[in-house]
Amino acid sequence: MKTLVALLAAGLAAGFIAASHAKLPAAAPKSDAEKKVEADKAAASKAKDAADLGKAQDKAVANYKKRHAAAMSGKKK
């Protein structure tokens, strides 16, 4: 019984090792339309990220100016 379990475990281990070294088939080449769609999505994402960054920077500047003006008005000369 122990021999059977040991052989079964060794077989499973060998199977897992063989499966982990198997090569996957190459991906199908993309058509020009798919490449264009992917490029358009990347450009749209980049533009949205740039717009979000601009909004965040404007908000940070407005917050700084508001806080800086409040701090300066409270100080005595």
PDB file of N, CA and C in Angstrom:
ATOM      1  N   MET A   1       0.824  -1.194   0.000  1.00  0.00           N
ATOM      2  CA  MET A   1       0.000   0.000   0.000  1.00  0.00           C
ATOM      3  C   MET A   1       0.870   1.262   0.000  1.00  0.00           C
ATOM      4  N   LYS A   2       1.894   1.261   0.845  1.00  0.00           N
ATOM      5  CA  LYS A   2       2.786   2.416   0.893  1.00  0.00           C
ATOM      6  C   LYS A   2       3.514   2.587  -0.430  1.00  0.00           C
ATOM      7  N   THR A   3       3.865   1.495  -1.067  1.00  0.00           N
ATOM      8  CA  THR A   3       4.568   1.551  -2.346  1.00  0.00           C
ATOM      9  C   THR A   3       3.664   2.145  -3.418  1.00  0.00           C
ATOM     10  N   LEU A   4       2.399   1.741  -3.405  1.00  0.00           N
ATOM     11  CA  LEU A   4       1.442   2.256  -4.385  1.00  0.00           C
ATOM     12  C   LEU A   4       1.249   3.766  -4.213  1.00  0.00           C
ATOM     13  N   VAL A   5       1.124   4.225  -2.990  1.00  0.00           N
ATOM     14  CA  VAL A   5       0.961   5.660  -2.709  1.00  0.00           C
ATOM     15  C   VAL A   5       2.221   6.423  -3.127  1.00  0.00           C
ATOM     16  N   ALA A   6       3.381   5.860  -2.858  1.00  0.00           N
ATOM     17  CA  ALA A   6       4.637   6.508  -3.223  1.00  0.00           C
ATOM     18  C   ALA A   6       4.776   6.608  -4.738  1.00  0.00           C
ATOM     19  N   LEU A   7       4.403   5.544  -5.448  1.00  0.00           N
ATOM     20  CA  LEU A   7       4.468   5.564  -6.911  1.00  0.00           C
ATOM     21  C   LEU A   7       3.470   6.575  -7.494  1.00  0.00           C
ATOM     22  N   LEU A   8       2.290   6.610  -6.921  1.00  0.00           N
ATOM     23  CA  LEU A   8       1.284   7.572  -7.375  1.00  0.00           C
ATOM     24  C   LEU A   8       1.754   9.006  -7.140  1.00  0.00           C
ATOM     25  N   ALA A   9       2.331   9.280  -5.994  1.00  0.00           N
ATOM     26  CA  ALA A   9       2.842  10.619  -5.685  1.00  0.00           C
ATOM     27  C   ALA A   9       3.993  10.986  -6.619  1.00  0.00           C
ATOM     28  N   ALA A  10       4.878  10.028  -6.908  1.00  0.00           N
ATOM     29  CA  ALA A  10       5.997  10.293  -7.813  1.00  0.00           C
ATOM     30  C   ALA A  10       5.486  10.564  -9.228  1.00  0.00           C
ATOM     31  N   GLY A  11       4.481   9.823  -9.641  1.00  0.00           N
ATOM     32  CA  GLY A  11       3.891  10.047 -10.968  1.00  0.00           C
ATOM     33  C   GLY A  11       3.238  11.401 -11.085  1.00  0.00           C
ATOM     34  N   LEU A  12       2.519  11.812 -10.056  1.00  0.00           N
ATOM     35  CA  LEU A  12       1.891  13.137 -10.050  1.00  0.00           C
ATOM     36  C   LEU A  12       2.948  14.239 -10.079  1.00  0.00           C
ATOM     37  N   ALA A  13       3.999  14.060  -9.309  1.00  0.00           N
ATOM     38  CA  ALA A  13       5.070  15.057  -9.287  1.00  0.00           C
ATOM     39  C   ALA A  13       5.724  15.165 -10.659  1.00  0.00           C
ATOM     40  N   ALA A  14       5.975  14.020 -11.296  1.00  0.00           N
ATOM     41  CA  ALA A  14       6.580  14.043 -12.628  1.00  0.00           C
ATOM     42  C   ALA A  14       5.646  14.709 -13.630  1.00  0.00           C
ATOM     43  N   GLY A  15       4.358  14.464 -13.496  1.00  0.00           N
ATOM     44  CA  GLY A  15       3.376  15.096 -14.377  1.00  0.00           C
ATOM     45  C   GLY A  15       3.340  16.599 -14.207  1.00  0.00           C
ATOM     46  N   PHE A  16       3.387  17.058 -12.971  1.00  0.00           N
ATOM     47  CA  PHE A  16       3.386  18.506 -12.717  1.00  0.00           C
ATOM     48  C   PHE A  16       4.653  19.162 -13.269  1.00  0.00           C
ATOM     49  N   ILE A  17       5.769  18.488 -13.115  1.00  0.00           N
ATOM     50  CA  ILE A  17       7.023  19.036 -13.632  1.00  0.00           C
ATOM     51  C   ILE A  17       6.985  19.111 -15.148  1.00  0.00           C
ATOM     52  N   ALA A  18       6.493  18.063 -15.794  1.00  0.00           N
ATOM     53  CA  ALA A  18       6.408  18.044 -17.256  1.00  0.00           C
ATOM     54  C   ALA A  18       5.454  19.128 -17.752  1.00  0.00           C
ATOM     55  N   ALA A  19       4.338  19.313 -17.063  1.00  0.00           N
ATOM     56  CA  ALA A  19       3.364  20.323 -17.472  1.00  0.00           C
ATOM     57  C   ALA A  19       3.923  21.732 -17.292  1.00  0.00           C
ATOM     58  N   SER A  20       4.750  21.926 -16.279  1.00  0.00           N
ATOM     59  CA  SER A  20       5.288  23.272 -16.049  1.00  0.00           C
ATOM     60  C   SER A  20       6.342  23.650 -17.087  1.00  0.00           C
ATOM     61  N   HIS A  21       6.923  22.665 -17.757  1.00  0.00           N
ATOM     62  CA  HIS A  21       7.936  22.951 -18.769  1.00  0.00           C
ATOM     63  C   HIS A  21       7.378  22.948 -20.188  1.00  0.00           C
ATOM     64  N   ALA A  22       6.092  22.733 -20.339  1.00  0.00           N
ATOM     65  CA  ALA A  22       5.485  22.696 -21.665  1.00  0.00           C
ATOM     66  C   ALA A  22       5.445  24.105 -22.249  1.00  0.00           C
ATOM     67  N   LYS A  23       5.622  24.203 -23.566  1.00  0.00           N
ATOM     68  CA  LYS A  23       5.584  25.503 -24.226  1.00  0.00           C
ATOM     69  C   LYS A  23       4.166  25.803 -24.691  1.00  0.00           C
ATOM     70  N   LEU A  24       3.773  27.050 -24.559  1.00  0.00           N
ATOM     71  CA  LEU A  24       2.475  27.484 -25.045  1.00  0.00           C
ATOM     72  C   LEU A  24       2.579  27.818 -26.523  1.00  0.00           C
ATOM     73  N   PRO A  25       1.492  27.689 -27.258  1.00  0.00           N
ATOM     74  CA  PRO A  25       1.544  28.058 -28.673  1.00  0.00           C
ATOM     75  C   PRO A  25       1.703  29.572 -28.817  1.00  0.00           C
ATOM     76  N   ALA A  26       2.297  29.984 -29.921  1.00  0.00           N
ATOM     77  CA  ALA A  26       2.505  31.415 -30.165  1.00  0.00           C
ATOM     78  C   ALA A  26       1.163  32.107 -30.368  1.00  0.00           C
ATOM     79  N   ALA A  27       1.076  33.334 -29.916  1.00  0.00           N
ATOM     80  CA  ALA A  27      -0.149  34.112 -30.074  1.00  0.00           C
ATOM     81  C   ALA A  27      -0.347  34.465 -31.537  1.00  0.00           C
ATOM     82  N   ALA A  28      -1.595  34.548 -31.917  1.00  0.00           N
ATOM     83  CA  ALA A  28      -1.901  34.898 -33.303  1.00  0.00           C
ATOM     84  C   ALA A  28      -1.490  36.348 -33.558  1.00  0.00           C
ATOM     85  N   PRO A  29      -0.931  36.633 -34.719  1.00  0.00           N
ATOM     86  CA  PRO A  29      -0.536  38.015 -35.003  1.00  0.00           C
ATOM     87  C   PRO A  29      -1.767  38.926 -35.083  1.00  0.00           C
ATOM     88  N   LYS A  30      -1.598  40.156 -34.634  1.00  0.00           N
ATOM     89  CA  LYS A  30      -2.701  41.109 -34.622  1.00  0.00           C
ATOM     90  C   LYS A  30      -2.863  41.738 -35.998  1.00  0.00           C
ATOM     91  N   SER A  31      -4.105  41.984 -36.344  1.00  0.00           N
ATOM     92  CA  SER A  31      -4.370  42.643 -37.620  1.00  0.00           C
ATOM     93  C   SER A  31      -4.156  44.146 -37.454  1.00  0.00           C
ATOM     94  N   ASP A  32      -4.132  44.845 -38.572  1.00  0.00           N
ATOM     95  CA  ASP A  32      -3.935  46.294 -38.527  1.00  0.00           C
ATOM     96  C   ASP A  32      -5.071  46.979 -37.781  1.00  0.00           C
ATOM     97  N   ALA A  33      -6.301  46.465 -37.941  1.00  0.00           N
ATOM     98  CA  ALA A  33      -7.444  47.065 -37.255  1.00  0.00           C
ATOM     99  C   ALA A  33      -7.308  46.901 -35.740  1.00  0.00           C
ATOM    100  N   GLU A  34      -6.869  45.723 -35.307  1.00  0.00           N
ATOM    101  CA  GLU A  34      -6.686  45.500 -33.871  1.00  0.00           C
ATOM    102  C   GLU A  34      -5.575  46.382 -33.318  1.00  0.00           C
ATOM    103  N   LYS A  35      -4.507  46.547 -34.083  1.00  0.00           N
ATOM    104  CA  LYS A  35      -3.408  47.415 -33.647  1.00  0.00           C
ATOM    105  C   LYS A  35      -3.877  48.854 -33.526  1.00  0.00           C
ATOM    106  N   LYS A  36      -4.712  49.307 -34.480  1.00  0.00           N
ATOM    107  CA  LYS A  36      -5.215  50.678 -34.459  1.00  0.00           C
ATOM    108  C   LYS A  36      -6.122  50.893 -33.255  1.00  0.00           C
ATOM    109  N   VAL A  37      -6.999  49.926 -32.985  1.00  0.00           N
ATOM    110  CA  VAL A  37      -7.901  50.036 -31.832  1.00  0.00           C
ATOM    111  C   VAL A  37      -7.086  50.092 -30.542  1.00  0.00           C
ATOM    112  N   GLU A  38      -6.068  49.252 -30.436  1.00  0.00           N
ATOM    113  CA  GLU A  38      -5.225  49.243 -29.240  1.00  0.00           C
ATOM    114  C   GLU A  38      -4.481  50.570 -29.073  1.00  0.00           C
ATOM    115  N   ALA A  39      -3.979  51.119 -30.178  1.00  0.00           N
ATOM    116  CA  ALA A  39      -3.275  52.404 -30.122  1.00  0.00           C
ATOM    117  C   ALA A  39      -4.225  53.527 -29.730  1.00  0.00           C
ATOM    118  N   ASP A  40      -5.468  53.487 -30.261  1.00  0.00           N
ATOM    119  CA  ASP A  40      -6.458  54.511 -29.910  1.00  0.00           C
ATOM    120  C   ASP A  40      -6.813  54.448 -28.426  1.00  0.00           C
ATOM    121  N   LYS A  41      -6.948  53.228 -27.906  1.00  0.00           N
ATOM    122  CA  LYS A  41      -7.254  53.077 -26.481  1.00  0.00           C
ATOM    123  C   LYS A  41      -6.105  53.610 -25.630  1.00  0.00           C
ATOM    124  N   ALA A  42      -4.879  53.322 -26.039  1.00  0.00           N
ATOM    125  CA  ALA A  42      -3.716  53.797 -25.287  1.00  0.00           C
ATOM    126  C   ALA A  42      -3.649  55.323 -25.316  1.00  0.00           C
ATOM    127  N   ALA A  43      -3.933  55.913 -26.475  1.00  0.00           N
ATOM    128  CA  ALA A  43      -3.895  57.375 -26.592  1.00  0.00           C
ATOM    129  C   ALA A  43      -4.988  58.010 -25.737  1.00  0.00           C
ATOM    130  N   ALA A  44      -6.185  57.416 -25.739  1.00  0.00           N
ATOM    131  CA  ALA A  44      -7.283  57.952 -24.935  1.00  0.00           C
ATOM    132  C   ALA A  44      -6.955  57.848 -23.448  1.00  0.00           C
ATOM    133  N   SER A  45      -6.370  56.743 -23.056  1.00  0.00           N
ATOM    134  CA  SER A  45      -5.988  56.553 -21.655  1.00  0.00           C
ATOM    135  C   SER A  45      -4.919  57.567 -21.244  1.00  0.00           C
ATOM    136  N   LYS A  46      -3.954  57.799 -22.138  1.00  0.00           N
ATOM    137  CA  LYS A  46      -2.893  58.760 -21.843  1.00  0.00           C
ATOM    138  C   LYS A  46      -3.452  60.173 -21.723  1.00  0.00           C
ATOM    139  N   ALA A  47      -4.399  60.518 -22.594  1.00  0.00           N
ATOM    140  CA  ALA A  47      -5.007  61.847 -22.536  1.00  0.00           C
ATOM    141  C   ALA A  47      -5.811  62.016 -21.251  1.00  0.00           C
ATOM    142  N   LYS A  48      -6.539  60.982 -20.853  1.00  0.00           N
ATOM    143  CA  LYS A  48      -7.323  61.061 -19.617  1.00  0.00           C
ATOM    144  C   LYS A  48      -6.403  61.198 -18.410  1.00  0.00           C
ATOM    145  N   ASP A  49      -5.307  60.450 -18.409  1.00  0.00           N
ATOM    146  CA  ASP A  49      -4.353  60.551 -17.305  1.00  0.00           C
ATOM    147  C   ASP A  49      -3.752  61.954 -17.224  1.00  0.00           C
ATOM    148  N   ALA A  50      -3.447  62.537 -18.375  1.00  0.00           N
ATOM    149  CA  ALA A  50      -2.887  63.890 -18.396  1.00  0.00           C
ATOM    150  C   ALA A  50      -3.906  64.906 -17.882  1.00  0.00           C
ATOM    151  N   ALA A  51      -5.170  64.736 -18.267  1.00  0.00           N
ATOM    152  CA  ALA A  51      -6.214  65.645 -17.797  1.00  0.00           C
ATOM    153  C   ALA A  51      -6.408  65.511 -16.293  1.00  0.00           C
ATOM    154  N   ASP A  52      -6.405  64.275 -15.796  1.00  0.00           N
ATOM    155  CA  ASP A  52      -6.546  64.056 -14.352  1.00  0.00           C
ATOM    156  C   ASP A  52      -5.374  64.663 -13.587  1.00  0.00           C
ATOM    157  N   LEU A  53      -4.170  64.529 -14.131  1.00  0.00           N
ATOM    158  CA  LEU A  53      -2.999  65.116 -13.486  1.00  0.00           C
ATOM    159  C   LEU A  53      -3.110  66.635 -13.446  1.00  0.00           C
ATOM    160  N   GLY A  54      -3.552  67.231 -14.540  1.00  0.00           N
ATOM    161  CA  GLY A  54      -3.729  68.683 -14.584  1.00  0.00           C
ATOM    162  C   GLY A  54      -4.739  69.161 -13.553  1.00  0.00           C
ATOM    163  N   LYS A  55      -5.849  68.436 -13.429  1.00  0.00           N
ATOM    164  CA  LYS A  55      -6.866  68.804 -12.435  1.00  0.00           C
ATOM    165  C   LYS A  55      -6.303  68.707 -11.016  1.00  0.00           C
ATOM    166  N   ALA A  56      -5.545  67.644 -10.761  1.00  0.00           N
ATOM    167  CA  ALA A  56      -4.967  67.459  -9.425  1.00  0.00           C
ATOM    168  C   ALA A  56      -3.959  68.561  -9.121  1.00  0.00           C
ATOM    169  N   GLN A  57      -3.164  68.938 -10.114  1.00  0.00           N
ATOM    170  CA  GLN A  57      -2.188  70.006  -9.904  1.00  0.00           C
ATOM    171  C   GLN A  57      -2.881  71.338  -9.659  1.00  0.00           C
ATOM    172  N   ASP A  58      -3.942  71.624 -10.426  1.00  0.00           N
ATOM    173  CA  ASP A  58      -4.687  72.865 -10.222  1.00  0.00           C
ATOM    174  C   ASP A  58      -5.303  72.908  -8.825  1.00  0.00           C
ATOM    175  N   LYS A  59      -5.818  71.773  -8.375  1.00  0.00           N
ATOM    176  CA  LYS A  59      -6.421  71.704  -7.038  1.00  0.00           C
ATOM    177  C   LYS A  59      -5.357  71.932  -5.967  1.00  0.00           C
ATOM    178  N   ALA A  60      -4.167  71.352  -6.175  1.00  0.00           N
ATOM    179  CA  ALA A  60      -3.092  71.525  -5.193  1.00  0.00           C
ATOM    180  C   ALA A  60      -2.630  72.975  -5.134  1.00  0.00           C
ATOM    181  N   VAL A  61      -2.537  73.626  -6.281  1.00  0.00           N
ATOM    182  CA  VAL A  61      -2.122  75.032  -6.321  1.00  0.00           C
ATOM    183  C   VAL A  61      -3.164  75.909  -5.645  1.00  0.00           C
ATOM    184  N   ALA A  62      -4.438  75.660  -5.924  1.00  0.00           N
ATOM    185  CA  ALA A  62      -5.497  76.452  -5.300  1.00  0.00           C
ATOM    186  C   ALA A  62      -5.487  76.266  -3.788  1.00  0.00           C
ATOM    187  N   ASN A  63      -5.274  75.034  -3.331  1.00  0.00           N
ATOM    188  CA  ASN A  63      -5.216  74.759  -1.900  1.00  0.00           C
ATOM    189  C   ASN A  63      -4.022  75.464  -1.267  1.00  0.00           C
ATOM    190  N   TYR A  64      -2.880  75.432  -1.949  1.00  0.00           N
ATOM    191  CA  TYR A  64      -1.682  76.097  -1.429  1.00  0.00           C
ATOM    192  C   TYR A  64      -1.917  77.597  -1.307  1.00  0.00           C
ATOM    193  N   LYS A  65      -2.472  78.196  -2.358  1.00  0.00           N
ATOM    194  CA  LYS A  65      -2.700  79.643  -2.336  1.00  0.00           C
ATOM    195  C   LYS A  65      -3.673  80.020  -1.229  1.00  0.00           C
ATOM    196  N   LYS A  66      -4.713  79.207  -1.048  1.00  0.00           N
ATOM    197  CA  LYS A  66      -5.703  79.487  -0.008  1.00  0.00           C
ATOM    198  C   LYS A  66      -5.058  79.385   1.376  1.00  0.00           C
ATOM    199  N   ARG A  67      -4.289  78.339   1.608  1.00  0.00           N
ATOM    200  CA  ARG A  67      -3.655  78.141   2.908  1.00  0.00           C
ATOM    201  C   ARG A  67      -2.551  79.173   3.147  1.00  0.00           C
ATOM    202  N   HIS A  68      -1.804  79.483   2.105  1.00  0.00           N
ATOM    203  CA  HIS A  68      -0.705  80.433   2.243  1.00  0.00           C
ATOM    204  C   HIS A  68      -1.251  81.831   2.541  1.00  0.00           C
ATOM    205  N   ALA A  69      -2.333  82.222   1.864  1.00  0.00           N
ATOM    206  CA  ALA A  69      -2.921  83.530   2.102  1.00  0.00           C
ATOM    207  C   ALA A  69      -3.486  83.610   3.527  1.00  0.00           C
ATOM    208  N   ALA A  70      -4.096  82.534   3.995  1.00  0.00           N
ATOM    209  CA  ALA A  70      -4.649  82.519   5.348  1.00  0.00           C
ATOM    210  C   ALA A  70      -3.527  82.605   6.388  1.00  0.00           C
ATOM    211  N   ALA A  71      -2.429  81.927   6.140  1.00  0.00           N
ATOM    212  CA  ALA A  71      -1.319  81.943   7.078  1.00  0.00           C
ATOM    213  C   ALA A  71      -0.655  83.311   7.111  1.00  0.00           C
ATOM    214  N   MET A  72      -0.551  83.954   5.979  1.00  0.00           N
ATOM    215  CA  MET A  72       0.119  85.254   5.915  1.00  0.00           C
ATOM    216  C   MET A  72      -0.746  86.349   6.520  1.00  0.00           C
ATOM    217  N   SER A  73      -2.068  86.231   6.440  1.00  0.00           N
ATOM    218  CA  SER A  73      -2.922  87.278   6.979  1.00  0.00           C
ATOM    219  C   SER A  73      -2.981  87.213   8.504  1.00  0.00           C
ATOM    220  N   GLY A  74      -2.673  86.086   9.089  1.00  0.00           N
ATOM    221  CA  GLY A  74      -2.711  85.926  10.536  1.00  0.00           C
ATOM    222  C   GLY A  74      -1.433  86.390  11.210  1.00  0.00           C
ATOM    223  N   LYS A  75      -0.360  86.590  10.476  1.00  0.00           N
ATOM    224  CA  LYS A  75       0.907  86.995  11.082  1.00  0.00           C
ATOM    225  C   LYS A  75       0.967  88.498  11.264  1.00  0.00           C
ATOM    226  N   LYS A  76       1.658  88.912  12.328  1.00  0.00           N
ATOM    227  CA  LYS A  76       1.869  90.345  12.561  1.00  0.00           C
ATOM    228  C   LYS A  76       3.167  90.768  11.914  1.00  0.00           C
ATOM    229  N   LYS A  77       3.176  91.984  11.447  1.00  0.00           N
ATOM    230  CA  LYS A  77       4.398  92.528  10.813  1.00  0.00           C
ATOM    231  C   LYS A  77       5.223  93.265  11.811  1.00  0.00           C
TER     232      LYS A  77
END
